[in-house]
Amino acid sequence: LAEQLRRGVGHHHAGLSTEDKRLVEGAFHLSAPRPSPRSFVRACSRALHAGVNLPAHLVVLCNTCRYIAGGFKEYSQMDVLQMAGRAGRPQFDTSGTCVVMCRAEQSQVYRKMLAGECTIESELQKQLPAHLNSEIASQLYMSSTEAAAQWLRATYL
Protein backbone atom coordinates (compact mmCIF):
# COMPACT_ATOMS: atom_id res chain seq x y z
CA LEU A 1 0.00 0.00 0.00
CA ALA A 2 2.74 2.47 0.92
CA GLU A 3 4.59 1.82 -2.35
CA GLN A 4 1.41 2.27 -4.37
CA LEU A 5 0.60 5.53 -2.57
CA ARG A 6 4.05 6.92 -3.43
CA ARG A 7 3.16 6.30 -7.08
CA GLY A 8 -0.24 8.01 -6.78
CA VAL A 9 -2.40 4.90 -6.53
CA GLY A 10 -4.49 3.99 -3.51
CA HIS A 11 -7.05 1.35 -2.73
CA HIS A 12 -9.73 1.66 -0.08
CA HIS A 13 -11.97 -1.16 1.13
CA ALA A 14 -13.46 -2.72 4.24
CA GLY A 15 -10.48 -5.07 4.66
CA LEU A 16 -8.05 -2.23 5.36
CA SER A 17 -7.23 -1.20 8.90
CA THR A 18 -8.49 2.19 10.07
CA GLU A 19 -4.92 3.47 9.96
CA ASP A 20 -4.47 2.37 6.33
CA LYS A 21 -7.82 3.90 5.33
CA ARG A 22 -6.73 7.21 6.85
CA LEU A 23 -3.42 6.93 5.01
CA VAL A 24 -5.20 6.50 1.66
CA GLU A 25 -7.63 9.34 2.43
CA GLY A 26 -4.75 11.60 3.45
CA ALA A 27 -2.83 10.79 0.27
CA PHE A 28 -5.90 11.65 -1.77
CA HIS A 29 -6.37 14.97 -0.03
CA LEU A 30 -2.70 15.82 -0.60
CA SER A 31 -3.29 15.35 -4.33
CA ALA A 32 -6.53 17.38 -4.35
CA PRO A 33 -4.93 20.87 -4.38
CA ARG A 34 -3.23 20.05 -7.68
CA PRO A 35 -5.09 21.12 -10.83
CA SER A 36 -7.56 18.29 -10.21
CA PRO A 37 -7.85 14.91 -8.45
CA ARG A 38 -6.88 13.36 -11.80
CA SER A 39 -3.36 13.01 -10.44
CA PHE A 40 -4.41 10.35 -7.91
CA VAL A 41 -5.88 6.96 -8.75
CA ARG A 42 -8.05 5.43 -6.06
CA ALA A 43 -9.62 1.99 -6.26
CA CYS A 44 -12.31 1.39 -3.70
CA SER A 45 -15.23 -0.82 -2.83
CA ARG A 46 -18.90 0.11 -3.04
CA ALA A 47 -18.97 0.85 0.70
CA LEU A 48 -16.99 4.07 0.27
CA HIS A 49 -19.68 5.89 -1.70
CA ALA A 50 -21.55 7.21 1.31
CA GLY A 51 -18.95 7.37 4.03
CA VAL A 52 -15.99 9.49 2.98
CA ASN A 53 -15.86 12.57 0.75
CA LEU A 54 -13.28 11.54 -1.83
CA PRO A 55 -14.30 13.06 -5.16
CA ALA A 56 -12.75 11.93 -8.42
CA HIS A 57 -12.53 12.98 -12.05
CA LEU A 58 -13.28 9.49 -13.36
CA VAL A 59 -15.46 6.91 -11.64
CA VAL A 60 -15.58 3.40 -13.10
CA LEU A 61 -18.24 1.05 -11.79
CA CYS A 62 -16.81 -2.34 -12.70
CA ASN A 63 -19.99 -4.10 -11.69
CA THR A 64 -23.57 -3.12 -10.91
CA CYS A 65 -24.50 -5.89 -8.53
CA ARG A 66 -23.25 -7.46 -5.34
CA TYR A 67 -23.49 -10.84 -3.70
CA ILE A 68 -26.10 -10.97 -0.94
CA ALA A 69 -27.53 -14.00 0.83
CA GLY A 70 -26.62 -16.58 -1.81
CA GLY A 71 -27.30 -14.51 -4.91
CA PHE A 72 -26.47 -11.36 -6.84
CA LYS A 73 -28.58 -8.23 -6.44
CA GLU A 74 -28.40 -5.01 -8.51
CA TYR A 75 -27.20 -1.91 -6.71
CA SER A 76 -29.97 0.48 -5.79
CA GLN A 77 -30.41 3.64 -7.85
CA MET A 78 -29.20 5.66 -4.88
CA ASP A 79 -26.02 3.58 -4.58
CA VAL A 80 -25.22 4.07 -8.27
CA LEU A 81 -25.97 7.79 -8.18
CA GLN A 82 -23.84 8.23 -5.03
CA MET A 83 -20.90 6.48 -6.68
CA ALA A 84 -21.33 8.31 -10.01
CA GLY A 85 -21.70 11.58 -8.12
CA ARG A 86 -18.08 11.37 -6.96
CA ALA A 87 -17.03 12.30 -10.52
CA GLY A 88 -16.48 15.95 -11.28
CA ARG A 89 -17.32 17.64 -7.99
CA PRO A 90 -17.38 21.41 -8.71
CA GLN A 91 -15.04 22.39 -5.87
CA PHE A 92 -12.40 19.95 -7.17
CA ASP A 93 -12.88 19.63 -10.92
CA THR A 94 -14.48 21.33 -13.93
CA SER A 95 -15.87 18.07 -15.36
CA GLY A 96 -16.24 14.43 -14.51
CA THR A 97 -16.92 11.10 -16.16
CA CYS A 98 -18.65 7.96 -14.92
CA VAL A 99 -18.24 4.66 -16.76
CA VAL A 100 -20.72 1.95 -15.84
CA MET A 101 -19.78 -1.61 -16.78
CA CYS A 102 -22.89 -3.77 -16.66
CA ARG A 103 -24.68 -6.59 -18.42
CA ALA A 104 -26.01 -5.59 -21.86
CA GLU A 105 -29.64 -5.98 -20.78
CA GLN A 106 -29.10 -3.45 -17.98
CA SER A 107 -27.36 -0.77 -20.06
CA GLN A 108 -30.54 1.19 -20.88
CA VAL A 109 -31.52 1.26 -17.21
CA TYR A 110 -28.20 2.86 -16.25
CA ARG A 111 -28.22 5.25 -19.23
CA LYS A 112 -31.63 6.57 -18.18
CA MET A 113 -30.68 6.69 -14.52
CA LEU A 114 -27.50 8.69 -15.09
CA ALA A 115 -29.28 11.00 -17.54
CA GLY A 116 -31.82 11.84 -14.83
CA GLU A 117 -34.71 10.17 -16.67
CA CYS A 118 -35.68 7.76 -13.87
CA THR A 119 -37.93 8.53 -10.95
CA ILE A 120 -36.17 7.98 -7.64
CA GLU A 121 -38.46 6.89 -4.86
CA SER A 122 -37.75 7.07 -1.17
CA GLU A 123 -37.12 3.80 0.64
CA LEU A 124 -37.16 5.43 4.06
CA GLN A 125 -40.27 3.49 5.09
CA LYS A 126 -38.24 0.28 5.02
CA GLN A 127 -35.90 1.57 7.74
CA LEU A 128 -38.06 4.27 9.37
CA PRO A 129 -38.01 2.87 12.94
CA ALA A 130 -34.20 2.59 12.95
CA HIS A 131 -33.70 6.11 11.58
CA LEU A 132 -36.29 7.60 13.93
CA ASN A 133 -34.76 5.82 16.92
CA SER A 134 -31.28 7.08 16.05
CA GLU A 135 -32.60 10.65 15.78
CA ILE A 136 -34.29 10.30 19.16
CA ALA A 137 -31.14 8.78 20.68
CA SER A 138 -28.99 11.65 19.41
CA GLN A 139 -31.32 14.08 21.23
CA LEU A 140 -30.14 16.90 18.99
CA TYR A 141 -33.44 17.58 17.26
CA MET A 142 -35.97 15.01 18.36
CA SER A 143 -37.35 16.20 21.68
CA SER A 144 -41.10 15.98 21.03
CA THR A 145 -43.76 14.35 18.89
CA GLU A 146 -44.01 17.59 16.89
CA ALA A 147 -40.24 17.54 16.26
CA ALA A 148 -40.57 13.95 14.99
CA ALA A 149 -43.43 14.95 12.66
CA GLN A 150 -41.44 17.93 11.41
CA TRP A 151 -38.41 15.68 10.77
CA LEU A 152 -40.59 13.26 8.77
CA ARG A 153 -42.08 16.13 6.71
CA ALA A 154 -38.53 17.18 5.76
CA THR A 155 -37.73 13.80 4.18
CA TYR A 156 -38.52 12.72 0.60
CA LEU A 157 -40.92 10.10 1.94
C-alpha atoms as a PDB file:
ATOM      1  CA  LEU A   1       0.000   0.000   0.000  1.00  0.00           C
ATOM      2  CA  ALA A   2       2.742   2.471   0.922  1.00  0.00           C
ATOM      3  CA  GLU A   3       4.595   1.815  -2.348  1.00  0.00           C
ATOM      4  CA  GLN A   4       1.413   2.272  -4.373  1.00  0.00           C
ATOM      5  CA  LEU A   5       0.600   5.525  -2.575  1.00  0.00           C
ATOM      6  CA  ARG A   6       4.053   6.918  -3.433  1.00  0.00           C
ATOM      7  CA  ARG A   7       3.157   6.298  -7.078  1.00  0.00           C
ATOM      8  CA  GLY A   8      -0.236   8.012  -6.776  1.00  0.00           C
ATOM      9  CA  VAL A   9      -2.395   4.896  -6.529  1.00  0.00           C
ATOM     10  CA  GLY A  10      -4.486   3.993  -3.506  1.00  0.00           C
ATOM     11  CA  HIS A  11      -7.054   1.346  -2.733  1.00  0.00           C
ATOM     12  CA  HIS A  12      -9.732   1.665  -0.076  1.00  0.00           C
ATOM     13  CA  HIS A  13     -11.965  -1.162   1.132  1.00  0.00           C
ATOM     14  CA  ALA A  14     -13.456  -2.719   4.244  1.00  0.00           C
ATOM     15  CA  GLY A  15     -10.479  -5.071   4.655  1.00  0.00           C
ATOM     16  CA  LEU A  16      -8.048  -2.228   5.364  1.00  0.00           C
ATOM     17  CA  SER A  17      -7.230  -1.204   8.899  1.00  0.00           C
ATOM     18  CA  THR A  18      -8.492   2.186  10.070  1.00  0.00           C
ATOM     19  CA  GLU A  19      -4.919   3.465   9.965  1.00  0.00           C
ATOM     20  CA  ASP A  20      -4.469   2.371   6.330  1.00  0.00           C
ATOM     21  CA  LYS A  21      -7.821   3.898   5.333  1.00  0.00           C
ATOM     22  CA  ARG A  22      -6.732   7.211   6.851  1.00  0.00           C
ATOM     23  CA  LEU A  23      -3.416   6.933   5.008  1.00  0.00           C
ATOM     24  CA  VAL A  24      -5.202   6.504   1.655  1.00  0.00           C
ATOM     25  CA  GLU A  25      -7.630   9.344   2.426  1.00  0.00           C
ATOM     26  CA  GLY A  26      -4.749  11.601   3.452  1.00  0.00           C
ATOM     27  CA  ALA A  27      -2.827  10.795   0.270  1.00  0.00           C
ATOM     28  CA  PHE A  28      -5.902  11.649  -1.771  1.00  0.00           C
ATOM     29  CA  HIS A  29      -6.372  14.971  -0.028  1.00  0.00           C
ATOM     30  CA  LEU A  30      -2.704  15.822  -0.599  1.00  0.00           C
ATOM     31  CA  SER A  31      -3.291  15.346  -4.332  1.00  0.00           C
ATOM     32  CA  ALA A  32      -6.527  17.380  -4.353  1.00  0.00           C
ATOM     33  CA  PRO A  33      -4.932  20.867  -4.381  1.00  0.00           C
ATOM     34  CA  ARG A  34      -3.227  20.049  -7.684  1.00  0.00           C
ATOM     35  CA  PRO A  35      -5.094  21.123 -10.825  1.00  0.00           C
ATOM     36  CA  SER A  36      -7.558  18.287 -10.206  1.00  0.00           C
ATOM     37  CA  PRO A  37      -7.854  14.914  -8.453  1.00  0.00           C
ATOM     38  CA  ARG A  38      -6.876  13.357 -11.800  1.00  0.00           C
ATOM     39  CA  SER A  39      -3.364  13.011 -10.438  1.00  0.00           C
ATOM     40  CA  PHE A  40      -4.410  10.354  -7.910  1.00  0.00           C
ATOM     41  CA  VAL A  41      -5.883   6.959  -8.751  1.00  0.00           C
ATOM     42  CA  ARG A  42      -8.048   5.428  -6.058  1.00  0.00           C
ATOM     43  CA  ALA A  43      -9.618   1.987  -6.257  1.00  0.00           C
ATOM     44  CA  CYS A  44     -12.307   1.389  -3.696  1.00  0.00           C
ATOM     45  CA  SER A  45     -15.229  -0.819  -2.826  1.00  0.00           C
ATOM     46  CA  ARG A  46     -18.896   0.115  -3.036  1.00  0.00           C
ATOM     47  CA  ALA A  47     -18.968   0.851   0.701  1.00  0.00           C
ATOM     48  CA  LEU A  48     -16.991   4.073   0.275  1.00  0.00           C
ATOM     49  CA  HIS A  49     -19.681   5.886  -1.702  1.00  0.00           C
ATOM     50  CA  ALA A  50     -21.545   7.214   1.312  1.00  0.00           C
ATOM     51  CA  GLY A  51     -18.951   7.373   4.030  1.00  0.00           C
ATOM     52  CA  VAL A  52     -15.993   9.493   2.977  1.00  0.00           C
ATOM     53  CA  ASN A  53     -15.859  12.573   0.747  1.00  0.00           C
ATOM     54  CA  LEU A  54     -13.278  11.536  -1.826  1.00  0.00           C
ATOM     55  CA  PRO A  55     -14.303  13.064  -5.158  1.00  0.00           C
ATOM     56  CA  ALA A  56     -12.754  11.932  -8.423  1.00  0.00           C
ATOM     57  CA  HIS A  57     -12.527  12.983 -12.050  1.00  0.00           C
ATOM     58  CA  LEU A  58     -13.277   9.493 -13.363  1.00  0.00           C
ATOM     59  CA  VAL A  59     -15.463   6.908 -11.638  1.00  0.00           C
ATOM     60  CA  VAL A  60     -15.582   3.400 -13.102  1.00  0.00           C
ATOM     61  CA  LEU A  61     -18.244   1.053 -11.789  1.00  0.00           C
ATOM     62  CA  CYS A  62     -16.809  -2.344 -12.697  1.00  0.00           C
ATOM     63  CA  ASN A  63     -19.992  -4.098 -11.691  1.00  0.00           C
ATOM     64  CA  THR A  64     -23.571  -3.124 -10.910  1.00  0.00           C
ATOM     65  CA  CYS A  65     -24.497  -5.890  -8.534  1.00  0.00           C
ATOM     66  CA  ARG A  66     -23.254  -7.456  -5.342  1.00  0.00           C
ATOM     67  CA  TYR A  67     -23.490 -10.840  -3.699  1.00  0.00           C
ATOM     68  CA  ILE A  68     -26.104 -10.969  -0.935  1.00  0.00           C
ATOM     69  CA  ALA A  69     -27.532 -14.005   0.826  1.00  0.00           C
ATOM     70  CA  GLY A  70     -26.624 -16.584  -1.808  1.00  0.00           C
ATOM     71  CA  GLY A  71     -27.295 -14.513  -4.910  1.00  0.00           C
ATOM     72  CA  PHE A  72     -26.470 -11.361  -6.838  1.00  0.00           C
ATOM     73  CA  LYS A  73     -28.583  -8.227  -6.440  1.00  0.00           C
ATOM     74  CA  GLU A  74     -28.398  -5.012  -8.507  1.00  0.00           C
ATOM     75  CA  TYR A  75     -27.197  -1.906  -6.711  1.00  0.00           C
ATOM     76  CA  SER A  76     -29.969   0.481  -5.788  1.00  0.00           C
ATOM     77  CA  GLN A  77     -30.415   3.640  -7.853  1.00  0.00           C
ATOM     78  CA  MET A  78     -29.204   5.662  -4.878  1.00  0.00           C
ATOM     79  CA  ASP A  79     -26.017   3.583  -4.580  1.00  0.00           C
ATOM     80  CA  VAL A  80     -25.215   4.066  -8.272  1.00  0.00           C
ATOM     81  CA  LEU A  81     -25.966   7.789  -8.177  1.00  0.00           C
ATOM     82  CA  GLN A  82     -23.840   8.231  -5.033  1.00  0.00           C
ATOM     83  CA  MET A  83     -20.902   6.478  -6.680  1.00  0.00           C
ATOM     84  CA  ALA A  84     -21.329   8.311 -10.007  1.00  0.00           C
ATOM     85  CA  GLY A  85     -21.702  11.583  -8.120  1.00  0.00           C
ATOM     86  CA  ARG A  86     -18.082  11.375  -6.964  1.00  0.00           C
ATOM     87  CA  ALA A  87     -17.027  12.300 -10.515  1.00  0.00           C
ATOM     88  CA  GLY A  88     -16.478  15.954 -11.282  1.00  0.00           C
ATOM     89  CA  ARG A  89     -17.315  17.644  -7.993  1.00  0.00           C
ATOM     90  CA  PRO A  90     -17.379  21.410  -8.711  1.00  0.00           C
ATOM     91  CA  GLN A  91     -15.040  22.385  -5.868  1.00  0.00           C
ATOM     92  CA  PHE A  92     -12.401  19.952  -7.170  1.00  0.00           C
ATOM     93  CA  ASP A  93     -12.876  19.625 -10.920  1.00  0.00           C
ATOM     94  CA  THR A  94     -14.481  21.326 -13.933  1.00  0.00           C
ATOM     95  CA  SER A  95     -15.872  18.067 -15.361  1.00  0.00           C
ATOM     96  CA  GLY A  96     -16.245  14.427 -14.512  1.00  0.00           C
ATOM     97  CA  THR A  97     -16.920  11.096 -16.156  1.00  0.00           C
ATOM     98  CA  CYS A  98     -18.648   7.964 -14.918  1.00  0.00           C
ATOM     99  CA  VAL A  99     -18.237   4.664 -16.761  1.00  0.00           C
ATOM    100  CA  VAL A 100     -20.720   1.947 -15.838  1.00  0.00           C
ATOM    101  CA  MET A 101     -19.784  -1.608 -16.785  1.00  0.00           C
ATOM    102  CA  CYS A 102     -22.888  -3.766 -16.660  1.00  0.00           C
ATOM    103  CA  ARG A 103     -24.684  -6.587 -18.418  1.00  0.00           C
ATOM    104  CA  ALA A 104     -26.013  -5.594 -21.860  1.00  0.00           C
ATOM    105  CA  GLU A 105     -29.638  -5.981 -20.776  1.00  0.00           C
ATOM    106  CA  GLN A 106     -29.096  -3.451 -17.976  1.00  0.00           C
ATOM    107  CA  SER A 107     -27.360  -0.766 -20.056  1.00  0.00           C
ATOM    108  CA  GLN A 108     -30.544   1.191 -20.883  1.00  0.00           C
ATOM    109  CA  VAL A 109     -31.524   1.258 -17.210  1.00  0.00           C
ATOM    110  CA  TYR A 110     -28.196   2.861 -16.254  1.00  0.00           C
ATOM    111  CA  ARG A 111     -28.215   5.251 -19.235  1.00  0.00           C
ATOM    112  CA  LYS A 112     -31.629   6.573 -18.178  1.00  0.00           C
ATOM    113  CA  MET A 113     -30.679   6.694 -14.520  1.00  0.00           C
ATOM    114  CA  LEU A 114     -27.503   8.688 -15.091  1.00  0.00           C
ATOM    115  CA  ALA A 115     -29.280  11.000 -17.544  1.00  0.00           C
ATOM    116  CA  GLY A 116     -31.821  11.837 -14.832  1.00  0.00           C
ATOM    117  CA  GLU A 117     -34.707  10.167 -16.667  1.00  0.00           C
ATOM    118  CA  CYS A 118     -35.680   7.761 -13.868  1.00  0.00           C
ATOM    119  CA  THR A 119     -37.927   8.531 -10.952  1.00  0.00           C
ATOM    120  CA  ILE A 120     -36.175   7.982  -7.637  1.00  0.00           C
ATOM    121  CA  GLU A 121     -38.460   6.887  -4.862  1.00  0.00           C
ATOM    122  CA  SER A 122     -37.747   7.074  -1.167  1.00  0.00           C
ATOM    123  CA  GLU A 123     -37.120   3.796   0.640  1.00  0.00           C
ATOM    124  CA  LEU A 124     -37.156   5.427   4.059  1.00  0.00           C
ATOM    125  CA  GLN A 125     -40.271   3.494   5.085  1.00  0.00           C
ATOM    126  CA  LYS A 126     -38.235   0.275   5.022  1.00  0.00           C
ATOM    127  CA  GLN A 127     -35.897   1.572   7.741  1.00  0.00           C
ATOM    128  CA  LEU A 128     -38.059   4.266   9.368  1.00  0.00           C
ATOM    129  CA  PRO A 129     -38.010   2.866  12.939  1.00  0.00           C
ATOM    130  CA  ALA A 130     -34.204   2.585  12.952  1.00  0.00           C
ATOM    131  CA  HIS A 131     -33.704   6.112  11.578  1.00  0.00           C
ATOM    132  CA  LEU A 132     -36.293   7.598  13.925  1.00  0.00           C
ATOM    133  CA  ASN A 133     -34.760   5.823  16.922  1.00  0.00           C
ATOM    134  CA  SER A 134     -31.278   7.083  16.051  1.00  0.00           C
ATOM    135  CA  GLU A 135     -32.600  10.646  15.776  1.00  0.00           C
ATOM    136  CA  ILE A 136     -34.294  10.299  19.159  1.00  0.00           C
ATOM    137  CA  ALA A 137     -31.144   8.784  20.685  1.00  0.00           C
ATOM    138  CA  SER A 138     -28.988  11.652  19.412  1.00  0.00           C
ATOM    139  CA  GLN A 139     -31.323  14.084  21.233  1.00  0.00           C
ATOM    140  CA  LEU A 140     -30.138  16.902  18.985  1.00  0.00           C
ATOM    141  CA  TYR A 141     -33.437  17.580  17.263  1.00  0.00           C
ATOM    142  CA  MET A 142     -35.973  15.010  18.363  1.00  0.00           C
ATOM    143  CA  SER A 143     -37.352  16.198  21.676  1.00  0.00           C
ATOM    144  CA  SER A 144     -41.105  15.984  21.028  1.00  0.00           C
ATOM    145  CA  THR A 145     -43.763  14.350  18.888  1.00  0.00           C
ATOM    146  CA  GLU A 146     -44.014  17.586  16.888  1.00  0.00           C
ATOM    147  CA  ALA A 147     -40.244  17.539  16.257  1.00  0.00           C
ATOM    148  CA  ALA A 148     -40.569  13.951  14.988  1.00  0.00           C
ATOM    149  CA  ALA A 149     -43.434  14.949  12.662  1.00  0.00           C
ATOM    150  CA  GLN A 150     -41.436  17.934  11.406  1.00  0.00           C
ATOM    151  CA  TRP A 151     -38.412  15.680  10.770  1.00  0.00           C
ATOM    152  CA  LEU A 152     -40.591  13.263   8.772  1.00  0.00           C
ATOM    153  CA  ARG A 153     -42.083  16.126   6.705  1.00  0.00           C
ATOM    154  CA  ALA A 154     -38.534  17.182   5.763  1.00  0.00           C
ATOM    155  CA  THR A 155     -37.732  13.804   4.176  1.00  0.00           C
ATOM    156  CA  TYR A 156     -38.516  12.721   0.602  1.00  0.00           C
ATOM    157  CA  LEU A 157     -40.925  10.100   1.939  1.00  0.00           C
END
